[in-house]
PDB file of N, CA and C in Angstrom:
ATOM      1  N   MET A   1       0.128  -1.830   5.163  1.00  0.00           N
ATOM      2  CA  MET A   1       0.084  -1.896   6.620  1.00  0.00           C
ATOM      3  C   MET A   1       0.067  -0.731   7.033  1.00  0.00           C
ATOM      4  N   PRO A   2      -1.248  -0.984   7.967  1.00  0.00           N
ATOM      5  CA  PRO A   2      -2.166  -0.250   9.032  1.00  0.00           C
ATOM      6  C   PRO A   2      -1.121   0.652   9.713  1.00  0.00           C
ATOM      7  N   GLY A   3      -1.129   1.777   9.744  1.00  0.00           N
ATOM      8  CA  GLY A   3      -0.421   2.147  11.059  1.00  0.00           C
ATOM      9  C   GLY A   3       0.987   2.631  10.920  1.00  0.00           C
ATOM     10  N   SER A   4       1.472   2.044   9.569  1.00  0.00           N
ATOM     11  CA  SER A   4       2.514   2.190   9.357  1.00  0.00           C
ATOM     12  C   SER A   4       3.335   3.541   8.257  1.00  0.00           C
ATOM     13  N   ASP A   5       4.230   4.384   8.442  1.00  0.00           N
ATOM     14  CA  ASP A   5       4.877   5.459   7.620  1.00  0.00           C
ATOM     15  C   ASP A   5       4.546   5.676   6.218  1.00  0.00           C
ATOM     16  N   ARG A   6       4.432   4.281   6.063  1.00  0.00           N
ATOM     17  CA  ARG A   6       4.698   3.599   4.797  1.00  0.00           C
ATOM     18  C   ARG A   6       3.060   3.642   4.236  1.00  0.00           C
ATOM     19  N   HIS A   7       2.011   3.269   4.676  1.00  0.00           N
ATOM     20  CA  HIS A   7       1.110   3.631   4.043  1.00  0.00           C
ATOM     21  C   HIS A   7       0.345   4.665   3.796  1.00  0.00           C
ATOM     22  N   ARG A   8      -0.140   5.156   2.458  1.00  0.00           N
ATOM     23  CA  ARG A   8      -1.198   6.053   2.376  1.00  0.00           C
ATOM     24  C   ARG A   8      -2.596   5.819   1.412  1.00  0.00           C
ATOM     25  N   PRO A   9      -2.965   6.546   2.017  1.00  0.00           N
ATOM     26  CA  PRO A   9      -4.493   6.112   1.373  1.00  0.00           C
ATOM     27  C   PRO A   9      -4.682   6.815   0.072  1.00  0.00           C
ATOM     28  N   GLY A  10      -5.348   6.071  -0.832  1.00  0.00           N
ATOM     29  CA  GLY A  10      -5.173   6.267  -2.514  1.00  0.00           C
ATOM     30  C   GLY A  10      -6.016   7.787  -3.011  1.00  0.00           C
ATOM     31  N   ARG A  11      -5.736   8.451  -4.248  1.00  0.00           N
ATOM     32  CA  ARG A  11      -5.959   9.008  -4.294  1.00  0.00           C
ATOM     33  C   ARG A  11      -6.539   8.964  -5.210  1.00  0.00           C
ATOM     34  N   HIS A  12      -7.546   9.965  -6.295  1.00  0.00           N
ATOM     35  CA  HIS A  12      -8.367   9.752  -7.359  1.00  0.00           C
ATOM     36  C   HIS A  12      -8.356  11.284  -8.054  1.00  0.00           C
ATOM     37  N   HIS A  13      -7.452  12.030  -7.561  1.00  0.00           N
ATOM     38  CA  HIS A  13      -7.265  13.341  -8.055  1.00  0.00           C
ATOM     39  C   HIS A  13      -5.815  13.646  -7.875  1.00  0.00           C
ATOM     40  N   VAL A  14      -5.244  13.894  -8.450  1.00  0.00           N
ATOM     41  CA  VAL A  14      -3.586  15.043  -8.187  1.00  0.00           C
ATOM     42  C   VAL A  14      -3.844  15.942  -7.174  1.00  0.00           C
ATOM     43  N   GLU A  15      -5.137  16.579  -7.160  1.00  0.00           N
ATOM     44  CA  GLU A  15      -5.057  18.344  -6.905  1.00  0.00           C
ATOM     45  C   GLU A  15      -5.233  17.495  -5.109  1.00  0.00           C
ATOM     46  N   GLN A  16      -5.522  15.832  -5.108  1.00  0.00           N
ATOM     47  CA  GLN A  16      -5.752  15.384  -3.322  1.00  0.00           C
ATOM     48  C   GLN A  16      -4.572  15.065  -3.656  1.00  0.00           C
ATOM     49  N   VAL A  17      -3.366  15.282  -3.805  1.00  0.00           N
ATOM     50  CA  VAL A  17      -2.163  14.203  -3.377  1.00  0.00           C
ATOM     51  C   VAL A  17      -1.025  15.307  -2.302  1.00  0.00           C
ATOM     52  N   PRO A  18      -1.555  15.283  -1.112  1.00  0.00           N
ATOM     53  CA  PRO A  18      -0.333  16.381   0.115  1.00  0.00           C
ATOM     54  C   PRO A  18       0.975  16.127  -0.642  1.00  0.00           C
ATOM     55  N   VAL A  19       1.335  17.569  -0.414  1.00  0.00           N
ATOM     56  CA  VAL A  19       2.773  18.139  -0.271  1.00  0.00           C
ATOM     57  C   VAL A  19       3.652  17.352   0.544  1.00  0.00           C
ATOM     58  N   GLY A  20       4.624  17.179  -0.489  1.00  0.00           N
ATOM     59  CA  GLY A  20       5.754  16.273   0.821  1.00  0.00           C
ATOM     60  C   GLY A  20       5.702  14.806   0.390  1.00  0.00           C
ATOM     61  N   ILE A  21       4.612  14.163  -0.796  1.00  0.00           N
ATOM     62  CA  ILE A  21       4.089  12.536  -0.829  1.00  0.00           C
ATOM     63  C   ILE A  21       5.538  12.815  -1.846  1.00  0.00           C
ATOM     64  N   THR A  22       6.417  11.743  -2.443  1.00  0.00           N
ATOM     65  CA  THR A  22       7.410  11.969  -2.737  1.00  0.00           C
ATOM     66  C   THR A  22       7.877  10.508  -3.797  1.00  0.00           C
ATOM     67  N   HIS A  23       6.766   9.702  -3.568  1.00  0.00           N
ATOM     68  CA  HIS A  23       6.485   8.540  -4.568  1.00  0.00           C
ATOM     69  C   HIS A  23       5.005   8.106  -4.943  1.00  0.00           C
ATOM     70  N   ALA A  24       4.144   7.379  -6.010  1.00  0.00           N
ATOM     71  CA  ALA A  24       3.567   7.454  -6.575  1.00  0.00           C
ATOM     72  C   ALA A  24       2.918   6.104  -7.052  1.00  0.00           C
ATOM     73  N   LEU A  25       2.115   5.451  -7.302  1.00  0.00           N
ATOM     74  CA  LEU A  25       1.979   4.315  -7.937  1.00  0.00           C
ATOM     75  C   LEU A  25       0.528   4.292  -8.597  1.00  0.00           C
ATOM     76  N   LEU A  26       0.547   4.344  -9.920  1.00  0.00           N
ATOM     77  CA  LEU A  26      -0.443   5.091 -10.526  1.00  0.00           C
ATOM     78  C   LEU A  26      -1.187   3.169 -11.324  1.00  0.00           C
ATOM     79  N   LEU A  27      -2.454   2.941 -10.770  1.00  0.00           N
ATOM     80  CA  LEU A  27      -3.110   1.548 -11.308  1.00  0.00           C
ATOM     81  C   LEU A  27      -4.000   2.159 -12.627  1.00  0.00           C
ATOM     82  N   ASP A  28      -5.029   0.983 -13.289  1.00  0.00           N
ATOM     83  CA  ASP A  28      -5.543   1.025 -13.909  1.00  0.00           C
ATOM     84  C   ASP A  28      -6.430  -0.423 -13.977  1.00  0.00           C
ATOM     85  N   HIS A  29      -7.419   0.085 -13.558  1.00  0.00           N
ATOM     86  CA  HIS A  29      -8.448  -1.708 -13.185  1.00  0.00           C
ATOM     87  C   HIS A  29      -7.278  -2.304 -12.321  1.00  0.00           C
ATOM     88  N   GLY A  30      -6.557  -1.925 -11.205  1.00  0.00           N
ATOM     89  CA  GLY A  30      -5.783  -2.711 -10.820  1.00  0.00           C
ATOM     90  C   GLY A  30      -4.545  -3.106 -11.354  1.00  0.00           C
ATOM     91  N   HIS A  31      -4.235  -2.414 -12.453  1.00  0.00           N
ATOM     92  CA  HIS A  31      -2.839  -2.787 -13.029  1.00  0.00           C
ATOM     93  C   HIS A  31      -1.802  -1.818 -12.861  1.00  0.00           C
ATOM     94  N   VAL A  32      -0.274  -2.069 -12.631  1.00  0.00           N
ATOM     95  CA  VAL A  32       0.241  -1.022 -12.226  1.00  0.00           C
ATOM     96  C   VAL A  32       0.735  -0.379 -13.694  1.00  0.00           C
ATOM     97  N   VAL A  33       0.555   0.553 -13.711  1.00  0.00           N
ATOM     98  CA  VAL A  33       0.529   1.626 -15.016  1.00  0.00           C
ATOM     99  C   VAL A  33       2.187   2.409 -15.040  1.00  0.00           C
ATOM    100  N   ALA A  34       2.553   2.604 -13.618  1.00  0.00           N
ATOM    101  CA  ALA A  34       3.849   3.698 -12.950  1.00  0.00           C
ATOM    102  C   ALA A  34       3.922   3.308 -11.695  1.00  0.00           C
ATOM    103  N   GLN A  35       5.659   3.458 -11.544  1.00  0.00           N
ATOM    104  CA  GLN A  35       5.562   3.681 -10.114  1.00  0.00           C
ATOM    105  C   GLN A  35       6.988   4.027  -9.738  1.00  0.00           C
ATOM    106  N   GLY A  36       6.983   5.025  -8.933  1.00  0.00           N
ATOM    107  CA  GLY A  36       8.505   5.724  -8.847  1.00  0.00           C
ATOM    108  C   GLY A  36       7.765   6.910  -8.068  1.00  0.00           C
ATOM    109  N   PRO A  37       9.622   7.782  -8.263  1.00  0.00           N
ATOM    110  CA  PRO A  37       9.509   9.178  -8.072  1.00  0.00           C
ATOM    111  C   PRO A  37       8.226   9.746  -8.877  1.00  0.00           C
ATOM    112  N   ILE A  38       7.506  10.591  -7.534  1.00  0.00           N
ATOM    113  CA  ILE A  38       6.151  11.599  -7.955  1.00  0.00           C
ATOM    114  C   ILE A  38       6.186  12.070  -9.503  1.00  0.00           C
ATOM    115  N   ASN A  39       7.456  12.946  -9.639  1.00  0.00           N
ATOM    116  CA  ASN A  39       7.627  13.425 -10.465  1.00  0.00           C
ATOM    117  C   ASN A  39       7.619  13.076 -12.010  1.00  0.00           C
ATOM    118  N   GLN A  40       8.183  11.513 -12.231  1.00  0.00           N
ATOM    119  CA  GLN A  40       8.157  10.983 -12.987  1.00  0.00           C
ATOM    120  C   GLN A  40       6.945  10.164 -13.077  1.00  0.00           C
ATOM    121  N   VAL A  41       6.234   9.778 -12.565  1.00  0.00           N
ATOM    122  CA  VAL A  41       4.782   9.099 -12.523  1.00  0.00           C
ATOM    123  C   VAL A  41       3.891  10.761 -13.401  1.00  0.00           C
ATOM    124  N   PHE A  42       3.812  11.454 -12.567  1.00  0.00           N
ATOM    125  CA  PHE A  42       2.815  12.542 -13.026  1.00  0.00           C
ATOM    126  C   PHE A  42       3.266  13.350 -14.123  1.00  0.00           C
ATOM    127  N   THR A  43       3.327  12.965 -14.766  1.00  0.00           N
ATOM    128  CA  THR A  43       3.896  13.545 -16.857  1.00  0.00           C
ATOM    129  C   THR A  43       2.514  13.008 -17.375  1.00  0.00           C
ATOM    130  N   ASP A  44       2.509  14.274 -18.275  1.00  0.00           N
ATOM    131  CA  ASP A  44       1.652  14.157 -19.108  1.00  0.00           C
ATOM    132  C   ASP A  44       1.222  13.176 -20.141  1.00  0.00           C
ATOM    133  N   GLU A  45       1.988  12.771 -20.429  1.00  0.00           N
ATOM    134  CA  GLU A  45       2.219  10.836 -21.310  1.00  0.00           C
ATOM    135  C   GLU A  45       1.787  10.047 -20.327  1.00  0.00           C
ATOM    136  N   ILE A  46       1.955  10.001 -19.484  1.00  0.00           N
ATOM    137  CA  ILE A  46       1.723   8.629 -18.387  1.00  0.00           C
ATOM    138  C   ILE A  46       0.232   8.940 -17.985  1.00  0.00           C
ATOM    139  N   MET A  47       0.070  10.212 -17.931  1.00  0.00           N
ATOM    140  CA  MET A  47      -1.498  10.382 -16.922  1.00  0.00           C
ATOM    141  C   MET A  47      -2.485  10.664 -18.049  1.00  0.00           C
ATOM    142  N   SER A  48      -2.178  11.093 -19.552  1.00  0.00           N
ATOM    143  CA  SER A  48      -3.103  11.139 -20.497  1.00  0.00           C
ATOM    144  C   SER A  48      -3.588   9.324 -20.923  1.00  0.00           C
ATOM    145  N   ALA A  49      -2.301   8.785 -21.063  1.00  0.00           N
ATOM    146  CA  ALA A  49      -2.571   7.447 -21.790  1.00  0.00           C
ATOM    147  C   ALA A  49      -3.528   7.009 -20.404  1.00  0.00           C
ATOM    148  N   THR A  50      -3.228   6.955 -19.218  1.00  0.00           N
ATOM    149  CA  THR A  50      -4.129   6.127 -18.587  1.00  0.00           C
ATOM    150  C   THR A  50      -5.636   6.524 -18.100  1.00  0.00           C
ATOM    151  N   PHE A  51      -5.960   8.001 -18.217  1.00  0.00           N
ATOM    152  CA  PHE A  51      -6.695   8.200 -18.158  1.00  0.00           C
ATOM    153  C   PHE A  51      -7.998   8.443 -19.729  1.00  0.00           C
ATOM    154  N   GLY A  52      -7.077   8.275 -20.667  1.00  0.00           N
ATOM    155  CA  GLY A  52      -7.508   8.220 -21.873  1.00  0.00           C
ATOM    156  C   GLY A  52      -7.983   9.691 -22.627  1.00  0.00           C
ATOM    157  N   LEU A  53      -7.852  10.628 -21.873  1.00  0.00           N
ATOM    158  CA  LEU A  53      -7.671  11.772 -21.957  1.00  0.00           C
ATOM    159  C   LEU A  53      -6.676  12.576 -22.044  1.00  0.00           C
ATOM    160  N   PRO A  54      -6.679  13.764 -22.945  1.00  0.00           N
ATOM    161  CA  PRO A  54      -5.437  14.987 -23.134  1.00  0.00           C
ATOM    162  C   PRO A  54      -5.090  15.650 -21.835  1.00  0.00           C
ATOM    163  N   LEU A  55      -4.463  15.335 -21.134  1.00  0.00           N
ATOM    164  CA  LEU A  55      -3.650  16.202 -19.619  1.00  0.00           C
ATOM    165  C   LEU A  55      -2.562  16.796 -19.666  1.00  0.00           C
ATOM    166  N   GLN A  56      -2.653  17.925 -18.782  1.00  0.00           N
ATOM    167  CA  GLN A  56      -1.660  18.357 -18.640  1.00  0.00           C
ATOM    168  C   GLN A  56      -1.469  18.439 -16.937  1.00  0.00           C
ATOM    169  N   ILE A  57      -0.398  17.873 -16.699  1.00  0.00           N
ATOM    170  CA  ILE A  57       0.089  17.557 -15.258  1.00  0.00           C
ATOM    171  C   ILE A  57       1.193  19.054 -14.995  1.00  0.00           C
ATOM    172  N   ASN A  58       0.949  19.874 -13.574  1.00  0.00           N
ATOM    173  CA  ASN A  58       1.741  20.478 -13.303  1.00  0.00           C
ATOM    174  C   ASN A  58       2.455  20.584 -11.808  1.00  0.00           C
ATOM    175  N   GLN A  59       3.512  20.844 -11.908  1.00  0.00           N
ATOM    176  CA  GLN A  59       3.205  20.891  -9.686  1.00  0.00           C
ATOM    177  C   GLN A  59       3.617  22.515  -9.823  1.00  0.00           C
ATOM    178  N   LEU A  60       2.461  22.842  -9.021  1.00  0.00           N
ATOM    179  CA  LEU A  60       2.835  24.471  -8.504  1.00  0.00           C
ATOM    180  C   LEU A  60       3.567  24.323  -7.631  1.00  0.00           C
ATOM    181  N   PRO A  61       3.684  26.392  -7.794  1.00  0.00           N
ATOM    182  CA  PRO A  61       4.917  26.301  -6.676  1.00  0.00           C
ATOM    183  C   PRO A  61       4.922  25.985  -5.164  1.00  0.00           C
ATOM    184  N   ASP A  62       3.584  25.901  -4.735  1.00  0.00           N
ATOM    185  CA  ASP A  62       3.583  25.535  -3.446  1.00  0.00           C
ATOM    186  C   ASP A  62       3.650  23.733  -3.304  1.00  0.00           C
ATOM    187  N   GLY A  63       4.122  23.445  -4.565  1.00  0.00           N
ATOM    188  CA  GLY A  63       3.909  21.672  -4.041  1.00  0.00           C
ATOM    189  C   GLY A  63       2.754  21.013  -4.438  1.00  0.00           C
ATOM    190  N   ARG A  64       2.042  21.341  -4.298  1.00  0.00           N
ATOM    191  CA  ARG A  64       0.559  20.930  -4.947  1.00  0.00           C
ATOM    192  C   ARG A  64       0.868  20.353  -6.402  1.00  0.00           C
ATOM    193  N   TRP A  65       0.054  19.374  -7.313  1.00  0.00           N
ATOM    194  CA  TRP A  65      -0.028  19.169  -8.472  1.00  0.00           C
ATOM    195  C   TRP A  65      -1.204  19.331  -9.085  1.00  0.00           C
ATOM    196  N   ALA A  66      -1.786  19.467 -10.387  1.00  0.00           N
ATOM    197  CA  ALA A  66      -2.629  19.725 -10.716  1.00  0.00           C
ATOM    198  C   ALA A  66      -2.925  19.756 -12.446  1.00  0.00           C
ATOM    199  N   ALA A  67      -4.189  19.391 -12.550  1.00  0.00           N
ATOM    200  CA  ALA A  67      -4.671  18.301 -14.161  1.00  0.00           C
ATOM    201  C   ALA A  67      -5.087  19.246 -15.033  1.00  0.00           C
ATOM    202  N   ARG A  68      -5.376  19.999 -16.242  1.00  0.00           N
ATOM    203  CA  ARG A  68      -5.851  20.223 -16.716  1.00  0.00           C
ATOM    204  C   ARG A  68      -5.909  19.271 -17.626  1.00  0.00           C
ATOM    205  N   ALA A  69      -7.110  19.753 -18.761  1.00  0.00           N
ATOM    206  CA  ALA A  69      -7.558  18.952 -19.921  1.00  0.00           C
ATOM    207  C   ALA A  69      -6.813  19.598 -21.272  1.00  0.00           C
ATOM    208  N   ARG A  70      -6.300  18.903 -21.777  1.00  0.00           N
ATOM    209  CA  ARG A  70      -5.133  19.847 -23.112  1.00  0.00           C
ATOM    210  C   ARG A  70      -5.972  19.992 -23.918  1.00  0.00           C
ATOM    211  N   LEU A  71      -6.315  21.058 -25.003  1.00  0.00           N
ATOM    212  CA  LEU A  71      -7.249  21.286 -26.125  1.00  0.00           C
ATOM    213  C   LEU A  71      -6.615  20.167 -27.295  1.00  0.00           C
ATOM    214  N   ASN A  72      -5.371  19.878 -27.274  1.00  0.00           N
ATOM    215  CA  ASN A  72      -4.739  18.924 -28.357  1.00  0.00           C
ATOM    216  C   ASN A  72      -4.334  18.100 -27.991  1.00  0.00           C
ATOM    217  N   TYR A  73      -4.360  16.741 -28.579  1.00  0.00           N
ATOM    218  CA  TYR A  73      -3.615  15.461 -27.925  1.00  0.00           C
ATOM    219  C   TYR A  73      -2.592  15.593 -28.579  1.00  0.00           C
TER     220      TYR A  73
END
């Protein structure tokens, strides 16, 4: 819904998600992988499985998100 407060452009990196976003929708090739409160979607397990990489997801003190590769999977 263009012009709606509910419309947010897609992001491809967790670091690009603006502070204050409360919910996320994670897609893989057009299929919904996870949706809901952002802290329940942005988890190591969900993100690692979706991207096929061992990832560690953290919310930083300023509210932004960060993803880093883990050495062990």
